[in-house]
Amino acid sequence: MVAAMLSEMIELTSEELQNLVGIDSEDYVEFAAYQASWGTSADEIIIIQAVDSSKAYDIEAKLKERVEHKRKSGESYLTENLPIIDAAIVRRDGNTVSMLITENIDAANSVYEKF
């Protein structure tokens, strides 16, 4: 199910990640970031391995800001996406930080927890 979900998303470059959430490439070791390929979907999945715990906290804060930005945007238009945004998960596990916003949140979180 998650593979099908990702096939409908576009993979973001480090520059696109910087523009979307303001995270500099010097702050992480590696990342995977996907965004819905159509503008009416709220779906975004971002997983980042920070260079250290301090940067992990900073990245977590920026991902929480991203969710809040999407929530405020959703209140103005595309209100049907609000339940998806409200169910978003932002979590930090050591130096790994993730943001999961998807209609299939349980499946995405289940895959994440297997890592």
PDB file of N, CA and C in Angstrom:
ATOM      1  N   MET A   1       0.816  -1.190   0.000  1.00  0.00           N
ATOM      2  CA  MET A   1       0.000   0.000   0.000  1.00  0.00           C
ATOM      3  C   MET A   1       0.865   1.261   0.000  1.00  0.00           C
ATOM      4  N   VAL A   2       1.949   1.290   0.795  1.00  0.00           N
ATOM      5  CA  VAL A   2       2.801   2.462   0.847  1.00  0.00           C
ATOM      6  C   VAL A   2       3.540   2.631  -0.470  1.00  0.00           C
ATOM      7  N   ALA A   3       3.978   1.534  -1.083  1.00  0.00           N
ATOM      8  CA  ALA A   3       4.657   1.631  -2.377  1.00  0.00           C
ATOM      9  C   ALA A   3       3.737   2.257  -3.416  1.00  0.00           C
ATOM     10  N   ALA A   4       2.475   1.875  -3.415  1.00  0.00           N
ATOM     11  CA  ALA A   4       1.513   2.472  -4.343  1.00  0.00           C
ATOM     12  C   ALA A   4       1.349   3.955  -4.045  1.00  0.00           C
ATOM     13  N   MET A   5       1.322   4.293  -2.757  1.00  0.00           N
ATOM     14  CA  MET A   5       1.171   5.685  -2.349  1.00  0.00           C
ATOM     15  C   MET A   5       2.359   6.502  -2.866  1.00  0.00           C
ATOM     16  N   LEU A   6       3.581   5.991  -2.688  1.00  0.00           N
ATOM     17  CA  LEU A   6       4.764   6.716  -3.126  1.00  0.00           C
ATOM     18  C   LEU A   6       4.833   6.832  -4.641  1.00  0.00           C
ATOM     19  N   SER A   7       4.302   5.851  -5.353  1.00  0.00           N
ATOM     20  CA  SER A   7       4.332   5.906  -6.817  1.00  0.00           C
ATOM     21  C   SER A   7       3.485   7.057  -7.344  1.00  0.00           C
ATOM     22  N   GLU A   8       2.578   7.553  -6.525  1.00  0.00           N
ATOM     23  CA  GLU A   8       1.736   8.675  -6.915  1.00  0.00           C
ATOM     24  C   GLU A   8       2.284  10.004  -6.405  1.00  0.00           C
ATOM     25  N   MET A   9       3.501   9.975  -5.884  1.00  0.00           N
ATOM     26  CA  MET A   9       4.122  11.172  -5.335  1.00  0.00           C
ATOM     27  C   MET A   9       5.413  11.461  -6.091  1.00  0.00           C
ATOM     28  N   ILE A  10       5.897  12.694  -5.952  1.00  0.00           N
ATOM     29  CA  ILE A  10       7.169  13.052  -6.569  1.00  0.00           C
ATOM     30  C   ILE A  10       8.237  13.157  -5.482  1.00  0.00           C
ATOM     31  N   GLU A  11       9.423  12.701  -5.811  1.00  0.00           N
ATOM     32  CA  GLU A  11      10.544  12.774  -4.863  1.00  0.00           C
ATOM     33  C   GLU A  11      11.154  14.167  -4.933  1.00  0.00           C
ATOM     34  N   LEU A  12      11.397  14.752  -3.779  1.00  0.00           N
ATOM     35  CA  LEU A  12      11.949  16.103  -3.718  1.00  0.00           C
ATOM     36  C   LEU A  12      13.473  16.075  -3.685  1.00  0.00           C
ATOM     37  N   THR A  13      14.072  17.068  -4.291  1.00  0.00           N
ATOM     38  CA  THR A  13      15.521  17.256  -4.223  1.00  0.00           C
ATOM     39  C   THR A  13      15.864  18.015  -2.935  1.00  0.00           C
ATOM     40  N   SER A  14      17.142  18.096  -2.616  1.00  0.00           N
ATOM     41  CA  SER A  14      17.551  18.844  -1.423  1.00  0.00           C
ATOM     42  C   SER A  14      17.178  20.320  -1.552  1.00  0.00           C
ATOM     43  N   GLU A  15      17.268  20.859  -2.753  1.00  0.00           N
ATOM     44  CA  GLU A  15      16.874  22.257  -2.974  1.00  0.00           C
ATOM     45  C   GLU A  15      15.370  22.445  -2.756  1.00  0.00           C
ATOM     46  N   GLU A  16      14.581  21.517  -3.243  1.00  0.00           N
ATOM     47  CA  GLU A  16      13.130  21.595  -3.035  1.00  0.00           C
ATOM     48  C   GLU A  16      12.777  21.441  -1.556  1.00  0.00           C
ATOM     49  N   LEU A  17      13.503  20.570  -0.853  1.00  0.00           N
ATOM     50  CA  LEU A  17      13.288  20.412   0.589  1.00  0.00           C
ATOM     51  C   LEU A  17      13.604  21.721   1.306  1.00  0.00           C
ATOM     52  N   GLN A  18      14.695  22.364   0.934  1.00  0.00           N
ATOM     53  CA  GLN A  18      15.081  23.661   1.508  1.00  0.00           C
ATOM     54  C   GLN A  18      13.975  24.691   1.271  1.00  0.00           C
ATOM     55  N   ASN A  19      13.460  24.753   0.064  1.00  0.00           N
ATOM     56  CA  ASN A  19      12.417  25.724  -0.266  1.00  0.00           C
ATOM     57  C   ASN A  19      11.107  25.423   0.454  1.00  0.00           C
ATOM     58  N   LEU A  20      10.799  24.150   0.640  1.00  0.00           N
ATOM     59  CA  LEU A  20       9.535  23.747   1.244  1.00  0.00           C
ATOM     60  C   LEU A  20       9.526  23.945   2.754  1.00  0.00           C
ATOM     61  N   VAL A  21      10.607  23.536   3.438  1.00  0.00           N
ATOM     62  CA  VAL A  21      10.617  23.551   4.895  1.00  0.00           C
ATOM     63  C   VAL A  21      11.765  24.351   5.503  1.00  0.00           C
ATOM     64  N   GLY A  22      12.687  24.830   4.696  1.00  0.00           N
ATOM     65  CA  GLY A  22      13.772  25.646   5.231  1.00  0.00           C
ATOM     66  C   GLY A  22      14.858  24.873   5.942  1.00  0.00           C
ATOM     67  N   ILE A  23      15.089  23.639   5.526  1.00  0.00           N
ATOM     68  CA  ILE A  23      16.124  22.806   6.153  1.00  0.00           C
ATOM     69  C   ILE A  23      17.345  22.781   5.240  1.00  0.00           C
ATOM     70  N   ASP A  24      18.482  23.260   5.763  1.00  0.00           N
ATOM     71  CA  ASP A  24      19.718  23.318   4.991  1.00  0.00           C
ATOM     72  C   ASP A  24      20.358  21.945   4.869  1.00  0.00           C
ATOM     73  N   SER A  25      21.001  21.696   3.754  1.00  0.00           N
ATOM     74  CA  SER A  25      21.623  20.392   3.514  1.00  0.00           C
ATOM     75  C   SER A  25      22.753  20.103   4.510  1.00  0.00           C
ATOM     76  N   GLU A  26      23.339  21.132   5.123  1.00  0.00           N
ATOM     77  CA  GLU A  26      24.386  20.926   6.124  1.00  0.00           C
ATOM     78  C   GLU A  26      23.832  20.360   7.429  1.00  0.00           C
ATOM     79  N   ASP A  27      22.490  20.416   7.576  1.00  0.00           N
ATOM     80  CA  ASP A  27      21.859  19.976   8.822  1.00  0.00           C
ATOM     81  C   ASP A  27      21.524  18.490   8.848  1.00  0.00           C
ATOM     82  N   TYR A  28      21.689  17.796   7.726  1.00  0.00           N
ATOM     83  CA  TYR A  28      21.327  16.378   7.683  1.00  0.00           C
ATOM     84  C   TYR A  28      22.346  15.552   6.924  1.00  0.00           C
ATOM     85  N   VAL A  29      22.329  14.255   7.236  1.00  0.00           N
ATOM     86  CA  VAL A  29      23.201  13.286   6.576  1.00  0.00           C
ATOM     87  C   VAL A  29      22.527  12.781   5.309  1.00  0.00           C
ATOM     88  N   GLU A  30      21.251  12.449   5.443  1.00  0.00           N
ATOM     89  CA  GLU A  30      20.474  11.984   4.296  1.00  0.00           C
ATOM     90  C   GLU A  30      18.999  12.245   4.559  1.00  0.00           C
ATOM     91  N   PHE A  31      18.214  12.159   3.487  1.00  0.00           N
ATOM     92  CA  PHE A  31      16.785  12.384   3.624  1.00  0.00           C
ATOM     93  C   PHE A  31      16.037  11.670   2.518  1.00  0.00           C
ATOM     94  N   ALA A  32      14.758  11.474   2.745  1.00  0.00           N
ATOM     95  CA  ALA A  32      13.825  11.030   1.719  1.00  0.00           C
ATOM     96  C   ALA A  32      12.609  11.929   1.885  1.00  0.00           C
ATOM     97  N   ALA A  33      12.169  12.546   0.802  1.00  0.00           N
ATOM     98  CA  ALA A  33      11.033  13.461   0.872  1.00  0.00           C
ATOM     99  C   ALA A  33      10.175  13.293  -0.369  1.00  0.00           C
ATOM    100  N   TYR A  34       8.882  13.150  -0.131  1.00  0.00           N
ATOM    101  CA  TYR A  34       7.923  12.960  -1.211  1.00  0.00           C
ATOM    102  C   TYR A  34       6.743  13.885  -1.005  1.00  0.00           C
ATOM    103  N   GLN A  35       6.193  14.358  -2.108  1.00  0.00           N
ATOM    104  CA  GLN A  35       5.045  15.242  -2.078  1.00  0.00           C
ATOM    105  C   GLN A  35       4.073  14.785  -3.158  1.00  0.00           C
ATOM    106  N   ALA A  36       2.780  14.946  -2.872  1.00  0.00           N
ATOM    107  CA  ALA A  36       1.774  14.555  -3.853  1.00  0.00           C
ATOM    108  C   ALA A  36       2.049  15.249  -5.184  1.00  0.00           C
ATOM    109  N   SER A  37       1.827  14.525  -6.252  1.00  0.00           N
ATOM    110  CA  SER A  37       2.091  15.081  -7.574  1.00  0.00           C
ATOM    111  C   SER A  37       0.959  15.968  -8.070  1.00  0.00           C
ATOM    112  N   TRP A  38      -0.133  16.038  -7.337  1.00  0.00           N
ATOM    113  CA  TRP A  38      -1.240  16.910  -7.711  1.00  0.00           C
ATOM    114  C   TRP A  38      -1.474  17.896  -6.574  1.00  0.00           C
ATOM    115  N   GLY A  39      -1.767  19.134  -6.914  1.00  0.00           N
ATOM    116  CA  GLY A  39      -1.839  20.213  -5.946  1.00  0.00           C
ATOM    117  C   GLY A  39      -2.986  20.164  -4.960  1.00  0.00           C
ATOM    118  N   THR A  40      -3.983  19.345  -5.213  1.00  0.00           N
ATOM    119  CA  THR A  40      -5.136  19.317  -4.305  1.00  0.00           C
ATOM    120  C   THR A  40      -4.979  18.308  -3.179  1.00  0.00           C
ATOM    121  N   SER A  41      -3.880  17.586  -3.141  1.00  0.00           N
ATOM    122  CA  SER A  41      -3.645  16.588  -2.095  1.00  0.00           C
ATOM    123  C   SER A  41      -2.746  17.161  -1.009  1.00  0.00           C
ATOM    124  N   ALA A  42      -2.997  16.773   0.218  1.00  0.00           N
ATOM    125  CA  ALA A  42      -2.182  17.222   1.349  1.00  0.00           C
ATOM    126  C   ALA A  42      -0.954  16.346   1.564  1.00  0.00           C
ATOM    127  N   ASP A  43      -0.858  15.218   0.877  1.00  0.00           N
ATOM    128  CA  ASP A  43       0.149  14.205   1.173  1.00  0.00           C
ATOM    129  C   ASP A  43       1.590  14.699   1.033  1.00  0.00           C
ATOM    130  N   GLU A  44       2.352  14.508   2.111  1.00  0.00           N
ATOM    131  CA  GLU A  44       3.789  14.751   2.132  1.00  0.00           C
ATOM    132  C   GLU A  44       4.407  13.764   3.112  1.00  0.00           C
ATOM    133  N   ILE A  45       5.518  13.183   2.729  1.00  0.00           N
ATOM    134  CA  ILE A  45       6.264  12.284   3.596  1.00  0.00           C
ATOM    135  C   ILE A  45       7.720  12.729   3.565  1.00  0.00           C
ATOM    136  N   ILE A  46       8.257  13.038   4.745  1.00  0.00           N
ATOM    137  CA  ILE A  46       9.643  13.495   4.854  1.00  0.00           C
ATOM    138  C   ILE A  46      10.302  12.735   6.002  1.00  0.00           C
ATOM    139  N   ILE A  47      11.448  12.132   5.718  1.00  0.00           N
ATOM    140  CA  ILE A  47      12.244  11.457   6.740  1.00  0.00           C
ATOM    141  C   ILE A  47      13.677  11.967   6.593  1.00  0.00           C
ATOM    142  N   ILE A  48      14.227  12.470   7.686  1.00  0.00           N
ATOM    143  CA  ILE A  48      15.543  13.108   7.645  1.00  0.00           C
ATOM    144  C   ILE A  48      16.415  12.566   8.772  1.00  0.00           C
ATOM    145  N   GLN A  49      17.651  12.220   8.441  1.00  0.00           N
ATOM    146  CA  GLN A  49      18.631  11.862   9.460  1.00  0.00           C
ATOM    147  C   GLN A  49      19.515  13.084   9.686  1.00  0.00           C
ATOM    148  N   ALA A  50      19.341  13.720  10.829  1.00  0.00           N
ATOM    149  CA  ALA A  50      20.083  14.935  11.164  1.00  0.00           C
ATOM    150  C   ALA A  50      21.539  14.610  11.483  1.00  0.00           C
ATOM    151  N   VAL A  51      22.401  15.623  11.370  1.00  0.00           N
ATOM    152  CA  VAL A  51      23.826  15.421  11.655  1.00  0.00           C
ATOM    153  C   VAL A  51      24.078  15.236  13.148  1.00  0.00           C
ATOM    154  N   ASP A  52      23.215  15.798  13.995  1.00  0.00           N
ATOM    155  CA  ASP A  52      23.366  15.625  15.440  1.00  0.00           C
ATOM    156  C   ASP A  52      22.022  15.895  16.111  1.00  0.00           C
ATOM    157  N   SER A  53      21.984  15.703  17.422  1.00  0.00           N
ATOM    158  CA  SER A  53      20.716  15.835  18.140  1.00  0.00           C
ATOM    159  C   SER A  53      20.196  17.275  18.151  1.00  0.00           C
ATOM    160  N   SER A  54      21.088  18.239  18.180  1.00  0.00           N
ATOM    161  CA  SER A  54      20.666  19.637  18.153  1.00  0.00           C
ATOM    162  C   SER A  54      19.934  19.953  16.844  1.00  0.00           C
ATOM    163  N   LYS A  55      20.502  19.503  15.742  1.00  0.00           N
ATOM    164  CA  LYS A  55      19.862  19.722  14.436  1.00  0.00           C
ATOM    165  C   LYS A  55      18.571  18.922  14.333  1.00  0.00           C
ATOM    166  N   ALA A  56      18.514  17.760  14.966  1.00  0.00           N
ATOM    167  CA  ALA A  56      17.288  16.954  14.949  1.00  0.00           C
ATOM    168  C   ALA A  56      16.144  17.731  15.596  1.00  0.00           C
ATOM    169  N   TYR A  57      16.430  18.385  16.718  1.00  0.00           N
ATOM    170  CA  TYR A  57      15.401  19.211  17.375  1.00  0.00           C
ATOM    171  C   TYR A  57      14.966  20.366  16.465  1.00  0.00           C
ATOM    172  N   ASP A  58      15.937  21.004  15.798  1.00  0.00           N
ATOM    173  CA  ASP A  58      15.624  22.108  14.887  1.00  0.00           C
ATOM    174  C   ASP A  58      14.756  21.629  13.724  1.00  0.00           C
ATOM    175  N   ILE A  59      15.110  20.484  13.160  1.00  0.00           N
ATOM    176  CA  ILE A  59      14.354  19.924  12.043  1.00  0.00           C
ATOM    177  C   ILE A  59      12.941  19.557  12.490  1.00  0.00           C
ATOM    178  N   GLU A  60      12.834  18.970  13.670  1.00  0.00           N
ATOM    179  CA  GLU A  60      11.515  18.630  14.201  1.00  0.00           C
ATOM    180  C   GLU A  60      10.635  19.880  14.293  1.00  0.00           C
ATOM    181  N   ALA A  61      11.193  20.974  14.780  1.00  0.00           N
ATOM    182  CA  ALA A  61      10.437  22.221  14.900  1.00  0.00           C
ATOM    183  C   ALA A  61       9.989  22.723  13.524  1.00  0.00           C
ATOM    184  N   LYS A  62      10.868  22.630  12.530  1.00  0.00           N
ATOM    185  CA  LYS A  62      10.518  23.090  11.186  1.00  0.00           C
ATOM    186  C   LYS A  62       9.438  22.212  10.561  1.00  0.00           C
ATOM    187  N   LEU A  63       9.482  20.916  10.814  1.00  0.00           N
ATOM    188  CA  LEU A  63       8.445  20.038  10.275  1.00  0.00           C
ATOM    189  C   LEU A  63       7.105  20.296  10.959  1.00  0.00           C
ATOM    190  N   LYS A  64       7.125  20.605  12.245  1.00  0.00           N
ATOM    191  CA  LYS A  64       5.889  20.970  12.939  1.00  0.00           C
ATOM    192  C   LYS A  64       5.325  22.275  12.369  1.00  0.00           C
ATOM    193  N   GLU A  65       6.205  23.219  12.052  1.00  0.00           N
ATOM    194  CA  GLU A  65       5.773  24.465  11.418  1.00  0.00           C
ATOM    195  C   GLU A  65       5.144  24.185  10.053  1.00  0.00           C
ATOM    196  N   ARG A  66       5.707  23.229   9.327  1.00  0.00           N
ATOM    197  CA  ARG A  66       5.162  22.868   8.014  1.00  0.00           C
ATOM    198  C   ARG A  66       3.739  22.344   8.153  1.00  0.00           C
ATOM    199  N   VAL A  67       3.513  21.481   9.137  1.00  0.00           N
ATOM    200  CA  VAL A  67       2.167  20.945   9.366  1.00  0.00           C
ATOM    201  C   VAL A  67       1.212  22.088   9.697  1.00  0.00           C
ATOM    202  N   GLU A  68       1.639  22.993  10.548  1.00  0.00           N
ATOM    203  CA  GLU A  68       0.774  24.119  10.919  1.00  0.00           C
ATOM    204  C   GLU A  68       0.473  25.006   9.714  1.00  0.00           C
ATOM    205  N   HIS A  69       1.470  25.228   8.867  1.00  0.00           N
ATOM    206  CA  HIS A  69       1.263  26.006   7.644  1.00  0.00           C
ATOM    207  C   HIS A  69       0.224  25.325   6.746  1.00  0.00           C
ATOM    208  N   LYS A  70       0.347  24.026   6.595  1.00  0.00           N
ATOM    209  CA  LYS A  70      -0.611  23.287   5.768  1.00  0.00           C
ATOM    210  C   LYS A  70      -2.010  23.353   6.384  1.00  0.00           C
ATOM    211  N   ARG A  71      -2.095  23.308   7.705  1.00  0.00           N
ATOM    212  CA  ARG A  71      -3.384  23.388   8.393  1.00  0.00           C
ATOM    213  C   ARG A  71      -4.048  24.747   8.123  1.00  0.00           C
ATOM    214  N   LYS A  72      -3.275  25.812   8.271  1.00  0.00           N
ATOM    215  CA  LYS A  72      -3.819  27.154   8.036  1.00  0.00           C
ATOM    216  C   LYS A  72      -4.242  27.326   6.583  1.00  0.00           C
ATOM    217  N   SER A  73      -3.454  26.806   5.660  1.00  0.00           N
ATOM    218  CA  SER A  73      -3.815  26.871   4.245  1.00  0.00           C
ATOM    219  C   SER A  73      -5.085  26.070   3.977  1.00  0.00           C
ATOM    220  N   GLY A  74      -5.193  24.917   4.626  1.00  0.00           N
ATOM    221  CA  GLY A  74      -6.366  24.065   4.446  1.00  0.00           C
ATOM    222  C   GLY A  74      -7.639  24.687   4.982  1.00  0.00           C
ATOM    223  N   GLU A  75      -7.512  25.527   5.998  1.00  0.00           N
ATOM    224  CA  GLU A  75      -8.683  26.205   6.536  1.00  0.00           C
ATOM    225  C   GLU A  75      -9.260  27.204   5.547  1.00  0.00           C
ATOM    226  N   SER A  76      -8.399  27.755   4.684  1.00  0.00           N
ATOM    227  CA  SER A  76      -8.833  28.744   3.705  1.00  0.00           C
ATOM    228  C   SER A  76      -9.429  28.114   2.454  1.00  0.00           C
ATOM    229  N   TYR A  77      -8.890  26.971   2.068  1.00  0.00           N
ATOM    230  CA  TYR A  77      -9.396  26.256   0.899  1.00  0.00           C
ATOM    231  C   TYR A  77      -9.027  24.788   1.054  1.00  0.00           C
ATOM    232  N   LEU A  78      -9.691  23.947   0.323  1.00  0.00           N
ATOM    233  CA  LEU A  78      -9.487  22.506   0.399  1.00  0.00           C
ATOM    234  C   LEU A  78      -9.687  21.979   1.812  1.00  0.00           C
ATOM    235  N   THR A  79     -10.774  22.385   2.422  1.00  0.00           N
ATOM    236  CA  THR A  79     -11.057  21.970   3.796  1.00  0.00           C
ATOM    237  C   THR A  79     -11.216  20.459   3.921  1.00  0.00           C
ATOM    238  N   GLU A  80     -11.446  19.768   2.820  1.00  0.00           N
ATOM    239  CA  GLU A  80     -11.552  18.305   2.884  1.00  0.00           C
ATOM    240  C   GLU A  80     -10.232  17.655   3.277  1.00  0.00           C
ATOM    241  N   ASN A  81      -9.126  18.403   3.165  1.00  0.00           N
ATOM    242  CA  ASN A  81      -7.820  17.876   3.563  1.00  0.00           C
ATOM    243  C   ASN A  81      -7.538  18.042   5.051  1.00  0.00           C
ATOM    244  N   LEU A  82      -8.341  18.813   5.763  1.00  0.00           N
ATOM    245  CA  LEU A  82      -8.059  19.067   7.180  1.00  0.00           C
ATOM    246  C   LEU A  82      -7.980  17.804   8.028  1.00  0.00           C
ATOM    247  N   PRO A  83      -8.859  16.811   7.865  1.00  0.00           N
ATOM    248  CA  PRO A  83      -8.700  15.593   8.676  1.00  0.00           C
ATOM    249  C   PRO A  83      -7.361  14.881   8.430  1.00  0.00           C
ATOM    250  N   ILE A  84      -6.877  14.924   7.207  1.00  0.00           N
ATOM    251  CA  ILE A  84      -5.588  14.304   6.876  1.00  0.00           C
ATOM    252  C   ILE A  84      -4.458  15.080   7.549  1.00  0.00           C
ATOM    253  N   ILE A  85      -4.527  16.404   7.476  1.00  0.00           N
ATOM    254  CA  ILE A  85      -3.493  17.246   8.086  1.00  0.00           C
ATOM    255  C   ILE A  85      -3.546  17.125   9.611  1.00  0.00           C
ATOM    256  N   ASP A  86      -4.744  17.094  10.165  1.00  0.00           N
ATOM    257  CA  ASP A  86      -4.887  16.978  11.619  1.00  0.00           C
ATOM    258  C   ASP A  86      -4.347  15.647  12.154  1.00  0.00           C
ATOM    259  N   ALA A  87      -4.318  14.620  11.316  1.00  0.00           N
ATOM    260  CA  ALA A  87      -3.799  13.308  11.724  1.00  0.00           C
ATOM    261  C   ALA A  87      -2.296  13.176  11.470  1.00  0.00           C
ATOM    262  N   ALA A  88      -1.665  14.244  10.999  1.00  0.00           N
ATOM    263  CA  ALA A  88      -0.232  14.203  10.671  1.00  0.00           C
ATOM    264  C   ALA A  88       0.598  13.765  11.870  1.00  0.00           C
ATOM    265  N   ILE A  89       1.688  13.101  11.567  1.00  0.00           N
ATOM    266  CA  ILE A  89       2.624  12.657  12.593  1.00  0.00           C
ATOM    267  C   ILE A  89       3.972  13.317  12.327  1.00  0.00           C
ATOM    268  N   VAL A  90       4.491  13.994  13.350  1.00  0.00           N
ATOM    269  CA  VAL A  90       5.870  14.486  13.328  1.00  0.00           C
ATOM    270  C   VAL A  90       6.539  13.840  14.528  1.00  0.00           C
ATOM    271  N   ARG A  91       7.629  13.139  14.274  1.00  0.00           N
ATOM    272  CA  ARG A  91       8.292  12.444  15.377  1.00  0.00           C
ATOM    273  C   ARG A  91       9.806  12.495  15.211  1.00  0.00           C
ATOM    274  N   ARG A  92      10.474  12.413  16.336  1.00  0.00           N
ATOM    275  CA  ARG A  92      11.928  12.375  16.361  1.00  0.00           C
ATOM    276  C   ARG A  92      12.341  11.113  17.099  1.00  0.00           C
ATOM    277  N   ASP A  93      13.158  10.316  16.462  1.00  0.00           N
ATOM    278  CA  ASP A  93      13.698   9.089  17.044  1.00  0.00           C
ATOM    279  C   ASP A  93      15.218   9.201  16.956  1.00  0.00           C
ATOM    280  N   GLY A  94      15.827   9.647  18.037  1.00  0.00           N
ATOM    281  CA  GLY A  94      17.267   9.907  17.985  1.00  0.00           C
ATOM    282  C   GLY A  94      17.520  11.070  17.041  1.00  0.00           C
ATOM    283  N   ASN A  95      18.360  10.845  16.050  1.00  0.00           N
ATOM    284  CA  ASN A  95      18.652  11.893  15.073  1.00  0.00           C
ATOM    285  C   ASN A  95      17.793  11.784  13.820  1.00  0.00           C
ATOM    286  N   THR A  96      16.854  10.865  13.802  1.00  0.00           N
ATOM    287  CA  THR A  96      15.948  10.715  12.665  1.00  0.00           C
ATOM    288  C   THR A  96      14.637  11.415  12.978  1.00  0.00           C
ATOM    289  N   VAL A  97      14.229  12.274  12.056  1.00  0.00           N
ATOM    290  CA  VAL A  97      13.009  13.053  12.230  1.00  0.00           C
ATOM    291  C   VAL A  97      12.117  12.805  11.023  1.00  0.00           C
ATOM    292  N   SER A  98      10.825  12.647  11.283  1.00  0.00           N
ATOM    293  CA  SER A  98       9.917  12.376  10.175  1.00  0.00           C
ATOM    294  C   SER A  98       8.647  13.198  10.286  1.00  0.00           C
ATOM    295  N   MET A  99       8.051  13.434   9.136  1.00  0.00           N
ATOM    296  CA  MET A  99       6.742  14.060   9.036  1.00  0.00           C
ATOM    297  C   MET A  99       5.934  13.214   8.069  1.00  0.00           C
ATOM    298  N   LEU A 100       4.821  12.709   8.533  1.00  0.00           N
ATOM    299  CA  LEU A 100       3.955  11.881   7.707  1.00  0.00           C
ATOM    300  C   LEU A 100       2.599  12.554   7.610  1.00  0.00           C
ATOM    301  N   ILE A 101       2.236  12.960   6.425  1.00  0.00           N
ATOM    302  CA  ILE A 101       0.912  13.528   6.159  1.00  0.00           C
ATOM    303  C   ILE A 101       0.361  12.750   4.978  1.00  0.00           C
ATOM    304  N   THR A 102      -0.610  11.904   5.258  1.00  0.00           N
ATOM    305  CA  THR A 102      -1.183  11.088   4.198  1.00  0.00           C
ATOM    306  C   THR A 102      -2.515  10.503   4.647  1.00  0.00           C
ATOM    307  N   GLU A 103      -3.353  10.251   3.687  1.00  0.00           N
ATOM    308  CA  GLU A 103      -4.633   9.620   3.985  1.00  0.00           C
ATOM    309  C   GLU A 103      -4.429   8.228   4.568  1.00  0.00           C
ATOM    310  N   ASN A 104      -3.326   7.590   4.202  1.00  0.00           N
ATOM    311  CA  ASN A 104      -2.977   6.251   4.688  1.00  0.00           C
ATOM    312  C   ASN A 104      -1.975   6.342   5.833  1.00  0.00           C
ATOM    313  N   ILE A 105      -2.277   7.172   6.820  1.00  0.00           N
ATOM    314  CA  ILE A 105      -1.322   7.465   7.895  1.00  0.00           C
ATOM    315  C   ILE A 105      -0.921   6.222   8.680  1.00  0.00           C
ATOM    316  N   ASP A 106      -1.868   5.333   8.942  1.00  0.00           N
ATOM    317  CA  ASP A 106      -1.540   4.129   9.709  1.00  0.00           C
ATOM    318  C   ASP A 106      -0.557   3.241   8.956  1.00  0.00           C
ATOM    319  N   ALA A 107      -0.767   3.073   7.654  1.00  0.00           N
ATOM    320  CA  ALA A 107       0.134   2.253   6.851  1.00  0.00           C
ATOM    321  C   ALA A 107       1.519   2.896   6.770  1.00  0.00           C
ATOM    322  N   ALA A 108       1.562   4.200   6.565  1.00  0.00           N
ATOM    323  CA  ALA A 108       2.851   4.894   6.467  1.00  0.00           C
ATOM    324  C   ALA A 108       3.608   4.808   7.785  1.00  0.00           C
ATOM    325  N   ASN A 109       2.909   5.020   8.895  1.00  0.00           N
ATOM    326  CA  ASN A 109       3.562   4.955  10.203  1.00  0.00           C
ATOM    327  C   ASN A 109       4.036   3.537  10.509  1.00  0.00           C
ATOM    328  N   SER A 110       3.283   2.548  10.106  1.00  0.00           N
ATOM    329  CA  SER A 110       3.668   1.157  10.312  1.00  0.00           C
ATOM    330  C   SER A 110       4.959   0.825   9.582  1.00  0.00           C
ATOM    331  N   VAL A 111       5.082   1.297   8.354  1.00  0.00           N
ATOM    332  CA  VAL A 111       6.311   1.068   7.571  1.00  0.00           C
ATOM    333  C   VAL A 111       7.472   1.790   8.241  1.00  0.00           C
ATOM    334  N   TYR A 112       7.241   3.023   8.670  1.00  0.00           N
ATOM    335  CA  TYR A 112       8.299   3.794   9.334  1.00  0.00           C
ATOM    336  C   TYR A 112       8.791   3.074  10.584  1.00  0.00           C
ATOM    337  N   GLU A 113       7.884   2.561  11.382  1.00  0.00           N
ATOM    338  CA  GLU A 113       8.266   1.903  12.636  1.00  0.00           C
ATOM    339  C   GLU A 113       9.067   0.616  12.405  1.00  0.00           C
ATOM    340  N   LYS A 114       8.998   0.025  11.235  1.00  0.00           N
ATOM    341  CA  LYS A 114       9.750  -1.193  10.946  1.00  0.00           C
ATOM    342  C   LYS A 114      11.240  -0.901  10.720  1.00  0.00           C
ATOM    343  N   PHE A 115      11.586   0.356  10.498  1.00  0.00           N
ATOM    344  CA  PHE A 115      12.984   0.704  10.306  1.00  0.00           C
ATOM    345  C   PHE A 115      13.618   0.779  11.629  1.00  0.00           C
TER     346      PHE A 115
END
